[in-house]
Amino acid sequence: MAKFMCTHTIPPGKFSADQLRQFAQAAQQDPTVKGYRSFANLTVGKAVCVMEAPSKDAVAAWFTKMGMPFDSITQVELEGDRGSIQSA
């Protein structure tokens, strides 16, 4: 499956850490979309996540279904880890 990096602006106080944990668990149980990695700062209302899915539309539909606002969804071309870059 392709990977997509997603950005979110969340009104501060709208989601709790427990709610984000529930989103993460739901993404692991979905037959189409899988959560890969996420980062969030709920105090300032910003989150970034990487999702695996067959298409950008599938990711957008999942966020909409889950009530998670998103700013952008971009397919990953390159992936890096600790100084090593490779094709996604």
N, C-alpha and C. Protein backbone atom coordinates (compact mmCIF):
# COMPACT_ATOMS: atom_id res chain seq x y z
N MET A 1 0.84 -1.19 0.00
CA MET A 1 0.00 0.00 0.00
C MET A 1 0.88 1.24 0.00
N ALA A 2 0.36 2.29 -0.57
CA ALA A 2 1.06 3.57 -0.59
C ALA A 2 0.97 4.23 0.78
N LYS A 3 1.93 5.11 1.06
CA LYS A 3 1.92 5.89 2.30
C LYS A 3 1.55 7.33 1.96
N PHE A 4 0.83 7.96 2.89
CA PHE A 4 0.40 9.34 2.73
C PHE A 4 0.71 10.11 4.00
N MET A 5 1.37 11.28 3.85
CA MET A 5 1.60 12.14 5.01
C MET A 5 0.45 13.13 5.07
N CYS A 6 -0.06 13.30 6.27
CA CYS A 6 -1.28 14.09 6.47
C CYS A 6 -1.03 15.13 7.55
N THR A 7 -1.53 16.33 7.30
CA THR A 7 -1.42 17.40 8.30
C THR A 7 -2.81 17.77 8.80
N HIS A 8 -2.85 18.14 10.06
CA HIS A 8 -4.13 18.46 10.71
C HIS A 8 -3.97 19.70 11.57
N THR A 9 -4.95 20.58 11.50
CA THR A 9 -5.09 21.67 12.45
C THR A 9 -6.34 21.35 13.26
N ILE A 10 -6.14 21.19 14.55
CA ILE A 10 -7.23 20.77 15.44
C ILE A 10 -7.46 21.88 16.46
N PRO A 11 -8.66 22.37 16.59
CA PRO A 11 -8.88 23.39 17.62
C PRO A 11 -8.41 22.88 18.99
N PRO A 12 -7.55 23.65 19.67
CA PRO A 12 -7.08 23.22 20.99
C PRO A 12 -8.25 22.83 21.89
N GLY A 13 -8.13 21.68 22.52
CA GLY A 13 -9.17 21.20 23.42
C GLY A 13 -10.24 20.36 22.75
N LYS A 14 -10.23 20.27 21.42
CA LYS A 14 -11.26 19.49 20.71
C LYS A 14 -11.06 17.99 20.93
N PHE A 15 -9.80 17.54 20.91
CA PHE A 15 -9.51 16.12 21.09
C PHE A 15 -8.59 15.92 22.28
N SER A 16 -8.81 14.85 23.00
CA SER A 16 -7.93 14.47 24.11
C SER A 16 -6.93 13.42 23.62
N ALA A 17 -5.91 13.18 24.42
CA ALA A 17 -4.95 12.13 24.10
C ALA A 17 -5.66 10.78 23.99
N ASP A 18 -6.65 10.53 24.85
CA ASP A 18 -7.39 9.27 24.78
C ASP A 18 -8.17 9.15 23.47
N GLN A 19 -8.74 10.26 23.00
CA GLN A 19 -9.45 10.21 21.71
C GLN A 19 -8.48 9.92 20.57
N LEU A 20 -7.28 10.50 20.62
CA LEU A 20 -6.30 10.21 19.58
C LEU A 20 -5.87 8.75 19.63
N ARG A 21 -5.77 8.19 20.82
CA ARG A 21 -5.46 6.76 20.94
C ARG A 21 -6.56 5.91 20.31
N GLN A 22 -7.81 6.33 20.50
CA GLN A 22 -8.93 5.62 19.88
C GLN A 22 -8.87 5.71 18.36
N PHE A 23 -8.52 6.89 17.81
CA PHE A 23 -8.34 7.03 16.37
C PHE A 23 -7.26 6.06 15.87
N ALA A 24 -6.14 6.03 16.61
CA ALA A 24 -5.03 5.16 16.21
C ALA A 24 -5.44 3.70 16.21
N GLN A 25 -6.18 3.28 17.22
CA GLN A 25 -6.67 1.90 17.27
C GLN A 25 -7.64 1.61 16.14
N ALA A 26 -8.53 2.56 15.86
CA ALA A 26 -9.50 2.38 14.77
C ALA A 26 -8.78 2.25 13.43
N ALA A 27 -7.70 2.99 13.25
CA ALA A 27 -6.94 2.91 11.99
C ALA A 27 -6.26 1.55 11.84
N GLN A 28 -5.93 0.91 12.93
CA GLN A 28 -5.32 -0.41 12.85
C GLN A 28 -6.34 -1.50 12.54
N GLN A 29 -7.60 -1.22 12.80
CA GLN A 29 -8.64 -2.22 12.60
C GLN A 29 -9.42 -2.02 11.31
N ASP A 30 -9.17 -0.92 10.61
CA ASP A 30 -9.88 -0.63 9.37
C ASP A 30 -9.37 -1.54 8.26
N PRO A 31 -10.26 -2.06 7.41
CA PRO A 31 -9.81 -2.95 6.34
C PRO A 31 -9.10 -2.23 5.19
N THR A 32 -9.24 -0.91 5.09
CA THR A 32 -8.68 -0.18 3.95
C THR A 32 -7.52 0.73 4.33
N VAL A 33 -7.61 1.42 5.46
CA VAL A 33 -6.63 2.42 5.88
C VAL A 33 -5.92 1.92 7.14
N LYS A 34 -4.60 2.09 7.18
CA LYS A 34 -3.82 1.70 8.36
C LYS A 34 -2.96 2.87 8.81
N GLY A 35 -2.98 3.14 10.10
CA GLY A 35 -2.09 4.15 10.65
C GLY A 35 -0.67 3.64 10.66
N TYR A 36 0.28 4.48 10.27
CA TYR A 36 1.69 4.09 10.22
C TYR A 36 2.48 4.78 11.32
N ARG A 37 2.30 6.10 11.45
CA ARG A 37 3.01 6.87 12.48
C ARG A 37 2.30 8.20 12.67
N SER A 38 2.35 8.75 13.87
CA SER A 38 1.70 10.04 14.10
C SER A 38 2.46 10.85 15.14
N PHE A 39 2.28 12.17 15.05
CA PHE A 39 2.87 13.13 15.97
C PHE A 39 1.81 14.18 16.24
N ALA A 40 1.67 14.61 17.47
CA ALA A 40 0.64 15.61 17.77
C ALA A 40 1.07 16.51 18.92
N ASN A 41 0.60 17.74 18.86
CA ASN A 41 0.69 18.67 19.98
C ASN A 41 -0.71 19.24 20.15
N LEU A 42 -1.45 18.67 21.08
CA LEU A 42 -2.84 19.08 21.28
C LEU A 42 -2.96 20.47 21.86
N THR A 43 -1.93 20.93 22.58
CA THR A 43 -1.96 22.26 23.17
C THR A 43 -2.02 23.34 22.10
N VAL A 44 -1.28 23.16 21.00
CA VAL A 44 -1.30 24.15 19.92
C VAL A 44 -2.21 23.72 18.77
N GLY A 45 -2.72 22.49 18.82
CA GLY A 45 -3.68 22.04 17.83
C GLY A 45 -3.09 21.63 16.49
N LYS A 46 -1.95 20.97 16.52
CA LYS A 46 -1.31 20.50 15.28
C LYS A 46 -1.01 19.00 15.39
N ALA A 47 -1.21 18.32 14.27
CA ALA A 47 -0.86 16.90 14.20
C ALA A 47 -0.39 16.57 12.80
N VAL A 48 0.51 15.60 12.72
CA VAL A 48 1.01 15.07 11.46
C VAL A 48 0.96 13.56 11.60
N CYS A 49 0.48 12.89 10.55
CA CYS A 49 0.48 11.44 10.61
C CYS A 49 0.82 10.88 9.24
N VAL A 50 1.24 9.64 9.24
CA VAL A 50 1.47 8.90 8.00
C VAL A 50 0.51 7.73 8.02
N MET A 51 -0.24 7.60 6.93
CA MET A 51 -1.23 6.53 6.79
C MET A 51 -0.87 5.68 5.59
N GLU A 52 -1.19 4.40 5.66
CA GLU A 52 -1.06 3.51 4.52
C GLU A 52 -2.47 3.26 3.97
N ALA A 53 -2.62 3.38 2.67
CA ALA A 53 -3.93 3.20 2.05
C ALA A 53 -3.75 3.02 0.54
N PRO A 54 -4.77 2.53 -0.13
CA PRO A 54 -4.67 2.37 -1.58
C PRO A 54 -4.73 3.69 -2.34
N SER A 55 -5.28 4.76 -1.73
CA SER A 55 -5.40 6.03 -2.43
C SER A 55 -5.57 7.18 -1.45
N LYS A 56 -5.33 8.39 -1.96
CA LYS A 56 -5.55 9.60 -1.19
C LYS A 56 -7.03 9.72 -0.81
N ASP A 57 -7.91 9.38 -1.76
CA ASP A 57 -9.35 9.45 -1.51
C ASP A 57 -9.77 8.54 -0.36
N ALA A 58 -9.14 7.37 -0.25
CA ALA A 58 -9.47 6.45 0.85
C ALA A 58 -9.09 7.06 2.19
N VAL A 59 -7.94 7.74 2.25
CA VAL A 59 -7.52 8.39 3.50
C VAL A 59 -8.49 9.53 3.84
N ALA A 60 -8.82 10.36 2.85
CA ALA A 60 -9.75 11.48 3.08
C ALA A 60 -11.10 10.96 3.57
N ALA A 61 -11.60 9.89 2.96
CA ALA A 61 -12.89 9.33 3.37
C ALA A 61 -12.83 8.82 4.80
N TRP A 62 -11.70 8.21 5.19
CA TRP A 62 -11.57 7.69 6.55
C TRP A 62 -11.55 8.83 7.57
N PHE A 63 -10.77 9.89 7.28
CA PHE A 63 -10.74 11.04 8.19
C PHE A 63 -12.13 11.65 8.33
N THR A 64 -12.83 11.78 7.22
CA THR A 64 -14.18 12.36 7.25
C THR A 64 -15.11 11.48 8.09
N LYS A 65 -15.05 10.18 7.87
CA LYS A 65 -15.89 9.23 8.63
C LYS A 65 -15.61 9.32 10.13
N MET A 66 -14.33 9.52 10.47
CA MET A 66 -13.93 9.56 11.88
C MET A 66 -14.09 10.94 12.52
N GLY A 67 -14.45 11.95 11.72
CA GLY A 67 -14.61 13.30 12.26
C GLY A 67 -13.29 13.99 12.57
N MET A 68 -12.23 13.59 11.86
CA MET A 68 -10.91 14.18 12.06
C MET A 68 -10.64 15.21 10.97
N PRO A 69 -10.53 16.50 11.32
CA PRO A 69 -10.24 17.50 10.30
C PRO A 69 -8.84 17.29 9.73
N PHE A 70 -8.65 17.63 8.46
CA PHE A 70 -7.32 17.53 7.86
C PHE A 70 -7.08 18.71 6.93
N ASP A 71 -5.81 19.13 6.86
CA ASP A 71 -5.41 20.23 6.00
C ASP A 71 -4.89 19.71 4.66
N SER A 72 -4.12 18.63 4.70
CA SER A 72 -3.53 18.10 3.48
C SER A 72 -3.29 16.60 3.60
N ILE A 73 -3.28 15.96 2.44
CA ILE A 73 -2.94 14.54 2.32
C ILE A 73 -2.04 14.44 1.09
N THR A 74 -0.80 14.02 1.28
CA THR A 74 0.19 13.98 0.21
C THR A 74 0.84 12.60 0.16
N GLN A 75 0.89 12.01 -1.04
CA GLN A 75 1.52 10.70 -1.15
C GLN A 75 3.02 10.82 -0.92
N VAL A 76 3.58 9.89 -0.19
CA VAL A 76 5.01 9.88 0.14
C VAL A 76 5.78 9.28 -1.04
N GLU A 77 6.84 10.00 -1.48
CA GLU A 77 7.73 9.49 -2.52
C GLU A 77 9.02 8.95 -1.92
N LEU A 78 9.52 9.65 -0.90
CA LEU A 78 10.77 9.28 -0.25
C LEU A 78 10.54 9.18 1.25
N GLU A 79 11.24 8.24 1.87
CA GLU A 79 11.11 8.05 3.31
C GLU A 79 12.50 8.01 3.92
N GLY A 80 12.68 8.76 5.00
CA GLY A 80 13.98 8.80 5.65
C GLY A 80 13.89 8.37 7.10
N ASP A 81 14.99 7.81 7.57
CA ASP A 81 15.08 7.42 8.96
C ASP A 81 16.53 7.52 9.40
N ARG A 82 16.79 8.44 10.32
CA ARG A 82 18.12 8.61 10.92
C ARG A 82 19.22 8.75 9.88
N GLY A 83 18.98 9.63 8.90
CA GLY A 83 20.00 9.95 7.90
C GLY A 83 19.99 9.09 6.66
N SER A 84 19.13 8.10 6.58
CA SER A 84 19.03 7.24 5.41
C SER A 84 17.73 7.54 4.67
N ILE A 85 17.83 7.86 3.36
CA ILE A 85 16.67 8.17 2.54
C ILE A 85 16.51 7.08 1.50
N GLN A 86 15.27 6.64 1.34
CA GLN A 86 14.99 5.61 0.31
C GLN A 86 13.64 5.87 -0.32
N SER A 87 13.40 5.26 -1.47
CA SER A 87 12.10 5.37 -2.12
C SER A 87 11.05 4.70 -1.25
N ALA A 88 9.88 5.31 -1.24
CA ALA A 88 8.78 4.77 -0.42
C ALA A 88 8.14 3.60 -1.12
